[in-house]
PDB file of N, CA and C in Angstrom:
ATOM      1  N   MET A   1     -14.805   5.532  11.379  1.00  0.00           N
ATOM      2  CA  MET A   1     -13.582   4.908  10.915  1.00  0.00           C
ATOM      3  C   MET A   1     -13.541   3.474  11.451  1.00  0.00           C
ATOM      4  N   HIS A   2     -13.267   2.534  10.555  1.00  0.00           N
ATOM      5  CA  HIS A   2     -13.196   1.124  10.914  1.00  0.00           C
ATOM      6  C   HIS A   2     -11.809   0.602  10.574  1.00  0.00           C
ATOM      7  N   THR A   3     -11.187  -0.136  11.510  1.00  0.00           N
ATOM      8  CA  THR A   3      -9.840  -0.659  11.302  1.00  0.00           C
ATOM      9  C   THR A   3      -9.866  -2.173  11.392  1.00  0.00           C
ATOM     10  N   HIS A   4      -9.113  -2.806  10.477  1.00  0.00           N
ATOM     11  CA  HIS A   4      -9.016  -4.256  10.458  1.00  0.00           C
ATOM     12  C   HIS A   4      -7.580  -4.617  10.071  1.00  0.00           C
ATOM     13  N   THR A   5      -6.990  -5.598  10.766  1.00  0.00           N
ATOM     14  CA  THR A   5      -5.616  -6.008  10.471  1.00  0.00           C
ATOM     15  C   THR A   5      -5.605  -7.440   9.957  1.00  0.00           C
ATOM     16  N   LYS A   6      -4.922  -7.638   8.841  1.00  0.00           N
ATOM     17  CA  LYS A   6      -4.708  -8.959   8.261  1.00  0.00           C
ATOM     18  C   LYS A   6      -3.247  -9.045   7.863  1.00  0.00           C
ATOM     19  N   GLN A   7      -2.639 -10.198   8.128  1.00  0.00           N
ATOM     20  CA  GLN A   7      -1.261 -10.441   7.711  1.00  0.00           C
ATOM     21  C   GLN A   7      -0.401  -9.245   8.111  1.00  0.00           C
ATOM     22  N   ASP A   8       0.228  -8.584   7.171  1.00  0.00           N
ATOM     23  CA  ASP A   8       1.076  -7.424   7.431  1.00  0.00           C
ATOM     24  C   ASP A   8       0.401  -6.125   7.006  1.00  0.00           C
ATOM     25  N   VAL A   9      -0.934  -6.125   6.925  1.00  0.00           N
ATOM     26  CA  VAL A   9      -1.671  -4.964   6.427  1.00  0.00           C
ATOM     27  C   VAL A   9      -2.725  -4.555   7.451  1.00  0.00           C
ATOM     28  N   THR A  10      -2.745  -3.273   7.786  1.00  0.00           N
ATOM     29  CA  THR A  10      -3.820  -2.723   8.603  1.00  0.00           C
ATOM     30  C   THR A  10      -4.681  -1.879   7.682  1.00  0.00           C
ATOM     31  N   LEU A  11      -5.945  -2.201   7.595  1.00  0.00           N
ATOM     32  CA  LEU A  11      -6.885  -1.495   6.726  1.00  0.00           C
ATOM     33  C   LEU A  11      -7.764  -0.586   7.561  1.00  0.00           C
ATOM     34  N   THR A  12      -7.875   0.653   7.139  1.00  0.00           N
ATOM     35  CA  THR A  12      -8.716   1.611   7.825  1.00  0.00           C
ATOM     36  C   THR A  12      -9.628   2.273   6.804  1.00  0.00           C
ATOM     37  N   HIS A  13     -10.911   2.228   7.060  1.00  0.00           N
ATOM     38  CA  HIS A  13     -11.873   2.904   6.199  1.00  0.00           C
ATOM     39  C   HIS A  13     -12.009   4.329   6.716  1.00  0.00           C
ATOM     40  N   GLU A  14     -11.470   5.271   5.973  1.00  0.00           N
ATOM     41  CA  GLU A  14     -11.498   6.676   6.382  1.00  0.00           C
ATOM     42  C   GLU A  14     -12.268   7.485   5.356  1.00  0.00           C
ATOM     43  N   GLU A  15     -12.575   8.706   5.706  1.00  0.00           N
ATOM     44  CA  GLU A  15     -13.329   9.587   4.818  1.00  0.00           C
ATOM     45  C   GLU A  15     -12.643   9.760   3.473  1.00  0.00           C
ATOM     46  N   ARG A  16     -11.328   9.837   3.486  1.00  0.00           N
ATOM     47  CA  ARG A  16     -10.584  10.074   2.245  1.00  0.00           C
ATOM     48  C   ARG A  16     -10.424   8.826   1.400  1.00  0.00           C
ATOM     49  N   GLY A  17     -10.729   7.658   1.972  1.00  0.00           N
ATOM     50  CA  GLY A  17     -10.644   6.420   1.216  1.00  0.00           C
ATOM     51  C   GLY A  17     -10.225   5.261   2.094  1.00  0.00           C
ATOM     52  N   LEU A  18      -9.851   4.194   1.447  1.00  0.00           N
ATOM     53  CA  LEU A  18      -9.365   3.018   2.143  1.00  0.00           C
ATOM     54  C   LEU A  18      -7.863   3.168   2.336  1.00  0.00           C
ATOM     55  N   VAL A  19      -7.410   3.152   3.591  1.00  0.00           N
ATOM     56  CA  VAL A  19      -5.995   3.317   3.898  1.00  0.00           C
ATOM     57  C   VAL A  19      -5.431   1.953   4.279  1.00  0.00           C
ATOM     58  N   ALA A  20      -4.369   1.551   3.598  1.00  0.00           N
ATOM     59  CA  ALA A  20      -3.684   0.296   3.881  1.00  0.00           C
ATOM     60  C   ALA A  20      -2.292   0.628   4.387  1.00  0.00           C
ATOM     61  N   ARG A  21      -2.018   0.251   5.626  1.00  0.00           N
ATOM     62  CA  ARG A  21      -0.697   0.481   6.218  1.00  0.00           C
ATOM     63  C   ARG A  21       0.051  -0.838   6.222  1.00  0.00           C
ATOM     64  N   LEU A  22       1.153  -0.905   5.467  1.00  0.00           N
ATOM     65  CA  LEU A  22       1.949  -2.118   5.410  1.00  0.00           C
ATOM     66  C   LEU A  22       2.943  -2.118   6.552  1.00  0.00           C
ATOM     67  N   ALA A  23       3.092  -3.261   7.219  1.00  0.00           N
ATOM     68  CA  ALA A  23       3.943  -3.351   8.396  1.00  0.00           C
ATOM     69  C   ALA A  23       5.373  -3.754   8.075  1.00  0.00           C
ATOM     70  N   GLY A  24       5.647  -4.138   6.849  1.00  0.00           N
ATOM     71  CA  GLY A  24       6.999  -4.573   6.495  1.00  0.00           C
ATOM     72  C   GLY A  24       7.216  -4.493   5.008  1.00  0.00           C
ATOM     73  N   ASP A  25       8.217  -5.234   4.542  1.00  0.00           N
ATOM     74  CA  ASP A  25       8.581  -5.212   3.133  1.00  0.00           C
ATOM     75  C   ASP A  25       7.468  -5.810   2.269  1.00  0.00           C
ATOM     76  N   LEU A  26       7.485  -5.425   0.998  1.00  0.00           N
ATOM     77  CA  LEU A  26       6.553  -5.945   0.008  1.00  0.00           C
ATOM     78  C   LEU A  26       7.400  -6.703  -1.006  1.00  0.00           C
ATOM     79  N   SER A  27       7.388  -8.028  -0.889  1.00  0.00           N
ATOM     80  CA  SER A  27       8.301  -8.834  -1.697  1.00  0.00           C
ATOM     81  C   SER A  27       7.641 -10.133  -2.139  1.00  0.00           C
ATOM     82  N   ILE A  28       8.408 -10.948  -2.815  1.00  0.00           N
ATOM     83  CA  ILE A  28       7.918 -12.230  -3.306  1.00  0.00           C
ATOM     84  C   ILE A  28       7.337 -13.077  -2.185  1.00  0.00           C
ATOM     85  N   PHE A  29       7.804 -12.889  -0.976  1.00  0.00           N
ATOM     86  CA  PHE A  29       7.366 -13.695   0.154  1.00  0.00           C
ATOM     87  C   PHE A  29       5.934 -13.387   0.608  1.00  0.00           C
ATOM     88  N   ASN A  30       5.452 -12.172   0.351  1.00  0.00           N
ATOM     89  CA  ASN A  30       4.107 -11.818   0.804  1.00  0.00           C
ATOM     90  C   ASN A  30       3.270 -11.133  -0.274  1.00  0.00           C
ATOM     91  N   ALA A  31       3.793 -10.997  -1.476  1.00  0.00           N
ATOM     92  CA  ALA A  31       3.117 -10.241  -2.533  1.00  0.00           C
ATOM     93  C   ALA A  31       1.731 -10.806  -2.864  1.00  0.00           C
ATOM     94  N   ALA A  32       1.630 -12.104  -3.037  1.00  0.00           N
ATOM     95  CA  ALA A  32       0.338 -12.698  -3.404  1.00  0.00           C
ATOM     96  C   ALA A  32      -0.705 -12.457  -2.314  1.00  0.00           C
ATOM     97  N   GLU A  33      -0.314 -12.630  -1.061  1.00  0.00           N
ATOM     98  CA  GLU A  33      -1.247 -12.441   0.043  1.00  0.00           C
ATOM     99  C   GLU A  33      -1.654 -10.974   0.180  1.00  0.00           C
ATOM    100  N   ILE A  34      -0.711 -10.064   0.046  1.00  0.00           N
ATOM    101  CA  ILE A  34      -1.045  -8.642   0.140  1.00  0.00           C
ATOM    102  C   ILE A  34      -1.941  -8.226  -1.020  1.00  0.00           C
ATOM    103  N   HIS A  35      -1.671  -8.739  -2.211  1.00  0.00           N
ATOM    104  CA  HIS A  35      -2.551  -8.438  -3.350  1.00  0.00           C
ATOM    105  C   HIS A  35      -3.969  -8.921  -3.060  1.00  0.00           C
ATOM    106  N   ARG A  36      -4.098 -10.141  -2.536  1.00  0.00           N
ATOM    107  CA  ARG A  36      -5.416 -10.686  -2.212  1.00  0.00           C
ATOM    108  C   ARG A  36      -6.136  -9.815  -1.176  1.00  0.00           C
ATOM    109  N   ILE A  37      -5.419  -9.422  -0.130  1.00  0.00           N
ATOM    110  CA  ILE A  37      -6.012  -8.597   0.932  1.00  0.00           C
ATOM    111  C   ILE A  37      -6.477  -7.253   0.380  1.00  0.00           C
ATOM    112  N   LEU A  38      -5.619  -6.588  -0.377  1.00  0.00           N
ATOM    113  CA  LEU A  38      -5.971  -5.268  -0.913  1.00  0.00           C
ATOM    114  C   LEU A  38      -7.095  -5.353  -1.931  1.00  0.00           C
ATOM    115  N   SER A  39      -7.060  -6.369  -2.785  1.00  0.00           N
ATOM    116  CA  SER A  39      -8.117  -6.529  -3.793  1.00  0.00           C
ATOM    117  C   SER A  39      -9.471  -6.777  -3.138  1.00  0.00           C
ATOM    118  N   GLU A  40      -9.508  -7.687  -2.165  1.00  0.00           N
ATOM    119  CA  GLU A  40     -10.766  -7.977  -1.471  1.00  0.00           C
ATOM    120  C   GLU A  40     -11.288  -6.749  -0.734  1.00  0.00           C
ATOM    121  N   ALA A  41     -10.396  -6.053  -0.051  1.00  0.00           N
ATOM    122  CA  ALA A  41     -10.814  -4.861   0.690  1.00  0.00           C
ATOM    123  C   ALA A  41     -11.355  -3.802  -0.263  1.00  0.00           C
ATOM    124  N   TRP A  42     -10.712  -3.645  -1.400  1.00  0.00           N
ATOM    125  CA  TRP A  42     -11.160  -2.638  -2.370  1.00  0.00           C
ATOM    126  C   TRP A  42     -12.528  -3.003  -2.941  1.00  0.00           C
ATOM    127  N   ARG A  43     -12.736  -4.286  -3.247  1.00  0.00           N
ATOM    128  CA  ARG A  43     -14.029  -4.711  -3.792  1.00  0.00           C
ATOM    129  C   ARG A  43     -15.159  -4.471  -2.801  1.00  0.00           C
ATOM    130  N   HIS A  44     -14.850  -4.513  -1.505  1.00  0.00           N
ATOM    131  CA  HIS A  44     -15.880  -4.315  -0.490  1.00  0.00           C
ATOM    132  C   HIS A  44     -15.995  -2.864  -0.021  1.00  0.00           C
ATOM    133  N   GLU A  45     -15.111  -2.008  -0.491  1.00  0.00           N
ATOM    134  CA  GLU A  45     -15.152  -0.587  -0.116  1.00  0.00           C
ATOM    135  C   GLU A  45     -16.324   0.059  -0.852  1.00  0.00           C
ATOM    136  N   THR A  46     -17.201   0.729  -0.128  1.00  0.00           N
ATOM    137  CA  THR A  46     -18.385   1.293  -0.757  1.00  0.00           C
ATOM    138  C   THR A  46     -18.151   2.670  -1.356  1.00  0.00           C
ATOM    139  N   SER A  47     -17.343   3.490  -0.723  1.00  0.00           N
ATOM    140  CA  SER A  47     -17.153   4.853  -1.230  1.00  0.00           C
ATOM    141  C   SER A  47     -16.120   4.907  -2.350  1.00  0.00           C
ATOM    142  N   ARG A  48     -15.082   4.126  -2.261  1.00  0.00           N
ATOM    143  CA  ARG A  48     -14.051   3.964  -3.284  1.00  0.00           C
ATOM    144  C   ARG A  48     -13.435   5.238  -3.863  1.00  0.00           C
ATOM    145  N   PRO A  49     -13.145   6.263  -3.081  1.00  0.00           N
ATOM    146  CA  PRO A  49     -12.465   7.408  -3.695  1.00  0.00           C
ATOM    147  C   PRO A  49     -11.034   7.067  -4.107  1.00  0.00           C
ATOM    148  N   GLU A  50     -10.339   6.302  -3.292  1.00  0.00           N
ATOM    149  CA  GLU A  50      -8.981   5.882  -3.635  1.00  0.00           C
ATOM    150  C   GLU A  50      -8.466   4.895  -2.594  1.00  0.00           C
ATOM    151  N   LEU A  51      -7.399   4.196  -2.970  1.00  0.00           N
ATOM    152  CA  LEU A  51      -6.687   3.327  -2.047  1.00  0.00           C
ATOM    153  C   LEU A  51      -5.393   4.037  -1.698  1.00  0.00           C
ATOM    154  N   ILE A  52      -5.216   4.333  -0.429  1.00  0.00           N
ATOM    155  CA  ILE A  52      -4.016   5.019   0.045  1.00  0.00           C
ATOM    156  C   ILE A  52      -3.131   3.968   0.696  1.00  0.00           C
ATOM    157  N   VAL A  53      -1.938   3.769   0.142  1.00  0.00           N
ATOM    158  CA  VAL A  53      -1.021   2.759   0.660  1.00  0.00           C
ATOM    159  C   VAL A  53       0.093   3.473   1.409  1.00  0.00           C
ATOM    160  N   ASN A  54       0.074   3.317   2.735  1.00  0.00           N
ATOM    161  CA  ASN A  54       1.054   3.949   3.609  1.00  0.00           C
ATOM    162  C   ASN A  54       2.267   3.014   3.708  1.00  0.00           C
ATOM    163  N   LEU A  55       3.390   3.459   3.173  1.00  0.00           N
ATOM    164  CA  LEU A  55       4.608   2.652   3.123  1.00  0.00           C
ATOM    165  C   LEU A  55       5.665   3.124   4.111  1.00  0.00           C
ATOM    166  N   ALA A  56       5.235   3.746   5.184  1.00  0.00           N
ATOM    167  CA  ALA A  56       6.172   4.283   6.179  1.00  0.00           C
ATOM    168  C   ALA A  56       7.071   3.212   6.773  1.00  0.00           C
ATOM    169  N   HIS A  57       6.565   1.985   6.870  1.00  0.00           N
ATOM    170  CA  HIS A  57       7.337   0.909   7.488  1.00  0.00           C
ATOM    171  C   HIS A  57       7.773  -0.147   6.477  1.00  0.00           C
ATOM    172  N   THR A  58       7.828   0.266   5.218  1.00  0.00           N
ATOM    173  CA  THR A  58       8.240  -0.625   4.137  1.00  0.00           C
ATOM    174  C   THR A  58       9.578  -0.136   3.604  1.00  0.00           C
ATOM    175  N   ARG A  59      10.633  -0.836   3.984  1.00  0.00           N
ATOM    176  CA  ARG A  59      11.978  -0.427   3.564  1.00  0.00           C
ATOM    177  C   ARG A  59      12.360  -0.965   2.193  1.00  0.00           C
ATOM    178  N   HIS A  60      11.696  -2.048   1.776  1.00  0.00           N
ATOM    179  CA  HIS A  60      12.080  -2.700   0.531  1.00  0.00           C
ATOM    180  C   HIS A  60      10.852  -3.167  -0.245  1.00  0.00           C
ATOM    181  N   ILE A  61      10.857  -2.909  -1.537  1.00  0.00           N
ATOM    182  CA  ILE A  61       9.863  -3.451  -2.457  1.00  0.00           C
ATOM    183  C   ILE A  61      10.643  -4.096  -3.591  1.00  0.00           C
ATOM    184  N   ASP A  62      10.365  -5.379  -3.864  1.00  0.00           N
ATOM    185  CA  ASP A  62      11.037  -6.031  -4.981  1.00  0.00           C
ATOM    186  C   ASP A  62      10.090  -6.067  -6.184  1.00  0.00           C
ATOM    187  N   SER A  63      10.488  -6.754  -7.246  1.00  0.00           N
ATOM    188  CA  SER A  63       9.684  -6.759  -8.472  1.00  0.00           C
ATOM    189  C   SER A  63       8.302  -7.375  -8.240  1.00  0.00           C
ATOM    190  N   SER A  64       8.193  -8.353  -7.365  1.00  0.00           N
ATOM    191  CA  SER A  64       6.882  -8.933  -7.053  1.00  0.00           C
ATOM    192  C   SER A  64       6.001  -7.920  -6.345  1.00  0.00           C
ATOM    193  N   GLY A  65       6.599  -7.125  -5.467  1.00  0.00           N
ATOM    194  CA  GLY A  65       5.854  -6.075  -4.778  1.00  0.00           C
ATOM    195  C   GLY A  65       5.374  -5.004  -5.740  1.00  0.00           C
ATOM    196  N   VAL A  66       6.241  -4.626  -6.668  1.00  0.00           N
ATOM    197  CA  VAL A  66       5.840  -3.652  -7.697  1.00  0.00           C
ATOM    198  C   VAL A  66       4.701  -4.248  -8.519  1.00  0.00           C
ATOM    199  N   GLY A  67       4.793  -5.556  -8.799  1.00  0.00           N
ATOM    200  CA  GLY A  67       3.741  -6.225  -9.549  1.00  0.00           C
ATOM    201  C   GLY A  67       2.387  -6.132  -8.873  1.00  0.00           C
ATOM    202  N   VAL A  68       2.358  -6.218  -7.544  1.00  0.00           N
ATOM    203  CA  VAL A  68       1.112  -6.062  -6.791  1.00  0.00           C
ATOM    204  C   VAL A  68       0.500  -4.694  -7.063  1.00  0.00           C
ATOM    205  N   LEU A  69       1.312  -3.660  -6.944  1.00  0.00           N
ATOM    206  CA  LEU A  69       0.818  -2.296  -7.151  1.00  0.00           C
ATOM    207  C   LEU A  69       0.347  -2.086  -8.588  1.00  0.00           C
ATOM    208  N   LEU A  70       1.111  -2.611  -9.560  1.00  0.00           N
ATOM    209  CA  LEU A  70       0.739  -2.463 -10.961  1.00  0.00           C
ATOM    210  C   LEU A  70      -0.549  -3.217 -11.281  1.00  0.00           C
ATOM    211  N   GLN A  71      -0.728  -4.404 -10.718  1.00  0.00           N
ATOM    212  CA  GLN A  71      -1.951  -5.166 -10.968  1.00  0.00           C
ATOM    213  C   GLN A  71      -3.168  -4.432 -10.423  1.00  0.00           C
ATOM    214  N   LEU A  72      -3.031  -3.815  -9.266  1.00  0.00           N
ATOM    215  CA  LEU A  72      -4.140  -3.040  -8.716  1.00  0.00           C
ATOM    216  C   LEU A  72      -4.503  -1.882  -9.640  1.00  0.00           C
ATOM    217  N   VAL A  73      -3.487  -1.204 -10.175  1.00  0.00           N
ATOM    218  CA  VAL A  73      -3.734  -0.108 -11.119  1.00  0.00           C
ATOM    219  C   VAL A  73      -4.440  -0.655 -12.368  1.00  0.00           C
ATOM    220  N   ARG A  74      -3.949  -1.786 -12.886  1.00  0.00           N
ATOM    221  CA  ARG A  74      -4.583  -2.408 -14.061  1.00  0.00           C
ATOM    222  C   ARG A  74      -6.031  -2.786 -13.779  1.00  0.00           C
ATOM    223  N   ASP A  75      -6.323  -3.113 -12.529  1.00  0.00           N
ATOM    224  CA  ASP A  75      -7.691  -3.461 -12.139  1.00  0.00           C
ATOM    225  C   ASP A  75      -8.570  -2.234 -11.925  1.00  0.00           C
ATOM    226  N   GLY A  76      -8.006  -1.046 -12.145  1.00  0.00           N
ATOM    227  CA  GLY A  76      -8.786   0.186 -12.038  1.00  0.00           C
ATOM    228  C   GLY A  76      -8.805   0.820 -10.666  1.00  0.00           C
ATOM    229  N   VAL A  77      -7.909   0.398  -9.792  1.00  0.00           N
ATOM    230  CA  VAL A  77      -7.863   0.958  -8.436  1.00  0.00           C
ATOM    231  C   VAL A  77      -6.992   2.216  -8.445  1.00  0.00           C
ATOM    232  N   PRO A  78      -7.564   3.386  -8.110  1.00  0.00           N
ATOM    233  CA  PRO A  78      -6.744   4.604  -8.014  1.00  0.00           C
ATOM    234  C   PRO A  78      -5.911   4.550  -6.732  1.00  0.00           C
ATOM    235  N   ILE A  79      -4.589   4.557  -6.884  1.00  0.00           N
ATOM    236  CA  ILE A  79      -3.691   4.362  -5.748  1.00  0.00           C
ATOM    237  C   ILE A  79      -2.889   5.621  -5.460  1.00  0.00           C
ATOM    238  N   THR A  80      -2.811   5.958  -4.176  1.00  0.00           N
ATOM    239  CA  THR A  80      -1.882   6.966  -3.688  1.00  0.00           C
ATOM    240  C   THR A  80      -0.887   6.247  -2.791  1.00  0.00           C
ATOM    241  N   LEU A  81       0.393   6.427  -3.065  1.00  0.00           N
ATOM    242  CA  LEU A  81       1.452   5.888  -2.218  1.00  0.00           C
ATOM    243  C   LEU A  81       1.964   7.023  -1.358  1.00  0.00           C
ATOM    244  N   CYS A  82       2.162   6.769  -0.074  1.00  0.00           N
ATOM    245  CA  CYS A  82       2.652   7.840   0.780  1.00  0.00           C
ATOM    246  C   CYS A  82       3.657   7.316   1.787  1.00  0.00           C
ATOM    247  N   ASN A  83       4.410   8.258   2.328  1.00  0.00           N
ATOM    248  CA  ASN A  83       5.448   7.968   3.321  1.00  0.00           C
ATOM    249  C   ASN A  83       6.464   6.953   2.807  1.00  0.00           C
ATOM    250  N   LEU A  84       6.863   7.103   1.550  1.00  0.00           N
ATOM    251  CA  LEU A  84       7.821   6.164   0.970  1.00  0.00           C
ATOM    252  C   LEU A  84       9.191   6.293   1.608  1.00  0.00           C
ATOM    253  N   GLN A  85       9.781   5.150   1.936  1.00  0.00           N
ATOM    254  CA  GLN A  85      11.159   5.097   2.406  1.00  0.00           C
ATOM    255  C   GLN A  85      12.073   5.324   1.201  1.00  0.00           C
ATOM    256  N   ALA A  86      13.362   5.525   1.442  1.00  0.00           N
ATOM    257  CA  ALA A  86      14.308   5.865   0.383  1.00  0.00           C
ATOM    258  C   ALA A  86      14.403   4.794  -0.703  1.00  0.00           C
ATOM    259  N   SER A  87      14.534   3.534  -0.326  1.00  0.00           N
ATOM    260  CA  SER A  87      14.718   2.473  -1.320  1.00  0.00           C
ATOM    261  C   SER A  87      13.503   2.296  -2.232  1.00  0.00           C
ATOM    262  N   PRO A  88      12.285   2.184  -1.695  1.00  0.00           N
ATOM    263  CA  PRO A  88      11.132   2.088  -2.601  1.00  0.00           C
ATOM    264  C   PRO A  88      10.966   3.325  -3.489  1.00  0.00           C
ATOM    265  N   ARG A  89      11.258   4.501  -2.950  1.00  0.00           N
ATOM    266  CA  ARG A  89      11.149   5.718  -3.758  1.00  0.00           C
ATOM    267  C   ARG A  89      12.143   5.680  -4.921  1.00  0.00           C
ATOM    268  N   ARG A  90      13.380   5.281  -4.637  1.00  0.00           N
ATOM    269  CA  ARG A  90      14.391   5.187  -5.710  1.00  0.00           C
ATOM    270  C   ARG A  90      13.947   4.196  -6.782  1.00  0.00           C
ATOM    271  N   LEU A  91      13.443   3.051  -6.359  1.00  0.00           N
ATOM    272  CA  LEU A  91      12.995   2.039  -7.309  1.00  0.00           C
ATOM    273  C   LEU A  91      11.913   2.596  -8.225  1.00  0.00           C
ATOM    274  N   LEU A  92      10.906   3.217  -7.659  1.00  0.00           N
ATOM    275  CA  LEU A  92       9.819   3.763  -8.467  1.00  0.00           C
ATOM    276  C   LEU A  92      10.279   4.907  -9.357  1.00  0.00           C
ATOM    277  N   ASP A  93      11.169   5.753  -8.852  1.00  0.00           N
ATOM    278  CA  ASP A  93      11.687   6.871  -9.653  1.00  0.00           C
ATOM    279  C   ASP A  93      12.567   6.377 -10.794  1.00  0.00           C
ATOM    280  N   ARG A  94      13.482   5.466 -10.514  1.00  0.00           N
ATOM    281  CA  ARG A  94      14.422   4.978 -11.537  1.00  0.00           C
ATOM    282  C   ARG A  94      13.738   4.189 -12.640  1.00  0.00           C
ATOM    283  N   THR A  95      12.683   3.492 -12.302  1.00  0.00           N
ATOM    284  CA  THR A  95      11.976   2.698 -13.304  1.00  0.00           C
ATOM    285  C   THR A  95      10.906   3.505 -14.035  1.00  0.00           C
ATOM    286  N   GLY A  96      10.631   4.708 -13.555  1.00  0.00           N
ATOM    287  CA  GLY A  96       9.591   5.531 -14.164  1.00  0.00           C
ATOM    288  C   GLY A  96       8.189   5.145 -13.725  1.00  0.00           C
ATOM    289  N   LEU A  97       8.081   4.204 -12.810  1.00  0.00           N
ATOM    290  CA  LEU A  97       6.776   3.719 -12.365  1.00  0.00           C
ATOM    291  C   LEU A  97       6.072   4.688 -11.416  1.00  0.00           C
ATOM    292  N   ALA A  98       6.815   5.606 -10.852  1.00  0.00           N
ATOM    293  CA  ALA A  98       6.212   6.572  -9.921  1.00  0.00           C
ATOM    294  C   ALA A  98       5.111   7.378 -10.601  1.00  0.00           C
ATOM    295  N   THR A  99       5.179   7.513 -11.923  1.00  0.00           N
ATOM    296  CA  THR A  99       4.173   8.296 -12.648  1.00  0.00           C
ATOM    297  C   THR A  99       2.819   7.582 -12.723  1.00  0.00           C
ATOM    298  N   LEU A 100       2.789   6.285 -12.415  1.00  0.00           N
ATOM    299  CA  LEU A 100       1.537   5.536 -12.466  1.00  0.00           C
ATOM    300  C   LEU A 100       0.695   5.695 -11.208  1.00  0.00           C
ATOM    301  N   PHE A 101       1.291   6.291 -10.186  1.00  0.00           N
ATOM    302  CA  PHE A 101       0.618   6.453  -8.901  1.00  0.00           C
ATOM    303  C   PHE A 101       0.665   7.914  -8.497  1.00  0.00           C
ATOM    304  N   ARG A 102      -0.269   8.292  -7.645  1.00  0.00           N
ATOM    305  CA  ARG A 102      -0.137   9.572  -6.967  1.00  0.00           C
ATOM    306  C   ARG A 102       0.790   9.305  -5.791  1.00  0.00           C
ATOM    307  N   VAL A 103       1.822  10.118  -5.634  1.00  0.00           N
ATOM    308  CA  VAL A 103       2.787   9.920  -4.554  1.00  0.00           C
ATOM    309  C   VAL A 103       2.762  11.141  -3.653  1.00  0.00           C
ATOM    310  N   ASP A 104       2.469  10.914  -2.367  1.00  0.00           N
ATOM    311  CA  ASP A 104       2.463  11.975  -1.363  1.00  0.00           C
ATOM    312  C   ASP A 104       3.616  11.735  -0.404  1.00  0.00           C
ATOM    313  N   THR A 105       4.222  12.802   0.050  1.00  0.00           N
ATOM    314  CA  THR A 105       5.313  12.650   1.009  1.00  0.00           C
ATOM    315  C   THR A 105       4.795  12.271   2.384  1.00  0.00           C
ATOM    316  N   ASP A 106       3.557  12.609   2.678  1.00  0.00           N
ATOM    317  CA  ASP A 106       3.016  12.328   4.002  1.00  0.00           C
ATOM    318  C   ASP A 106       1.525  12.038   3.870  1.00  0.00           C
ATOM    319  N   CYS A 107       1.064  11.009   4.536  1.00  0.00           N
ATOM    320  CA  CYS A 107      -0.375  10.715   4.512  1.00  0.00           C
ATOM    321  C   CYS A 107      -0.946  10.677   5.909  1.00  0.00           C
ATOM    322  N   GLY A 108      -0.377  11.464   6.756  1.00  0.00           N
ATOM    323  CA  GLY A 108      -0.912  11.559   8.103  1.00  0.00           C
ATOM    324  C   GLY A 108      -0.109  10.795   9.125  1.00  0.00           C
ATOM    325  N   GLU A 109      -0.770  10.480  10.207  1.00  0.00           N
ATOM    326  CA  GLU A 109      -0.121   9.824  11.334  1.00  0.00           C
ATOM    327  C   GLU A 109       0.468   8.468  10.924  1.00  0.00           C
ATOM    328  N   VAL A 110       1.673   8.222  11.346  1.00  0.00           N
ATOM    329  CA  VAL A 110       2.342   6.959  11.041  1.00  0.00           C
ATOM    330  C   VAL A 110       2.230   6.043  12.258  1.00  0.00           C
ATOM    331  N   PRO A 111       1.542   4.921  12.104  1.00  0.00           N
ATOM    332  CA  PRO A 111       1.407   4.018  13.259  1.00  0.00           C
ATOM    333  C   PRO A 111       2.722   3.325  13.568  1.00  0.00           C
ATOM    334  N   ALA A 112       2.910   2.978  14.817  1.00  0.00           N
ATOM    335  CA  ALA A 112       4.122   2.242  15.201  1.00  0.00           C
ATOM    336  C   ALA A 112       4.083   0.855  14.590  1.00  0.00           C
ATOM    337  N   PRO A 113       5.234   0.322  14.184  1.00  0.00           N
ATOM    338  CA  PRO A 113       5.231  -1.031  13.618  1.00  0.00           C
ATOM    339  C   PRO A 113       4.819  -2.039  14.668  1.00  0.00           C
ATOM    340  N   ARG A 114       4.182  -3.120  14.185  1.00  0.00           N
ATOM    341  CA  ARG A 114       3.759  -4.173  15.101  1.00  0.00           C
ATOM    342  C   ARG A 114       4.977  -4.910  15.635  1.00  0.00           C
ATOM    343  N   GLN A 115       4.905  -5.316  16.880  1.00  0.00           N
ATOM    344  CA  GLN A 115       5.986  -6.073  17.503  1.00  0.00           C
ATOM    345  C   GLN A 115       5.770  -7.557  17.251  1.00  0.00           C
ATOM    346  N   ALA A 116       6.856  -8.276  17.016  1.00  0.00           N
ATOM    347  CA  ALA A 116       6.769  -9.718  16.826  1.00  0.00           C
ATOM    348  C   ALA A 116       6.334 -10.381  18.124  1.00  0.00           C
ATOM    349  N   ALA A 117       5.501 -11.387  17.996  1.00  0.00           N
ATOM    350  CA  ALA A 117       4.995 -12.080  19.184  1.00  0.00           C
ATOM    351  C   ALA A 117       5.982 -13.097  19.680  1.00  0.00           C
TER     352      ALA A 117
END
């Protein structure tokens, strides 16, 4: 298992796939950078069974954040979303977008959020 942290994303190469743990919200303020990080990591992933996005510490996703997830799907990346907080889950359910992803209630151990320096 190999772990690498960039911006607000911790990437772990695990047997089940590439796991991306987001440390905060997914919004217009960081959407482009998170998309770049996830896309690059996925292109370099050799086994590529799936991209597991752990949203345990993501309380809010706005339309730009949803756009990141949708673009990854359009690019052919099989995505599992897990540990969704209430607000992101409601957004995906109400818009019908939850059907575009595999959604798990739990994807294993939840890391503690990073502390501000």
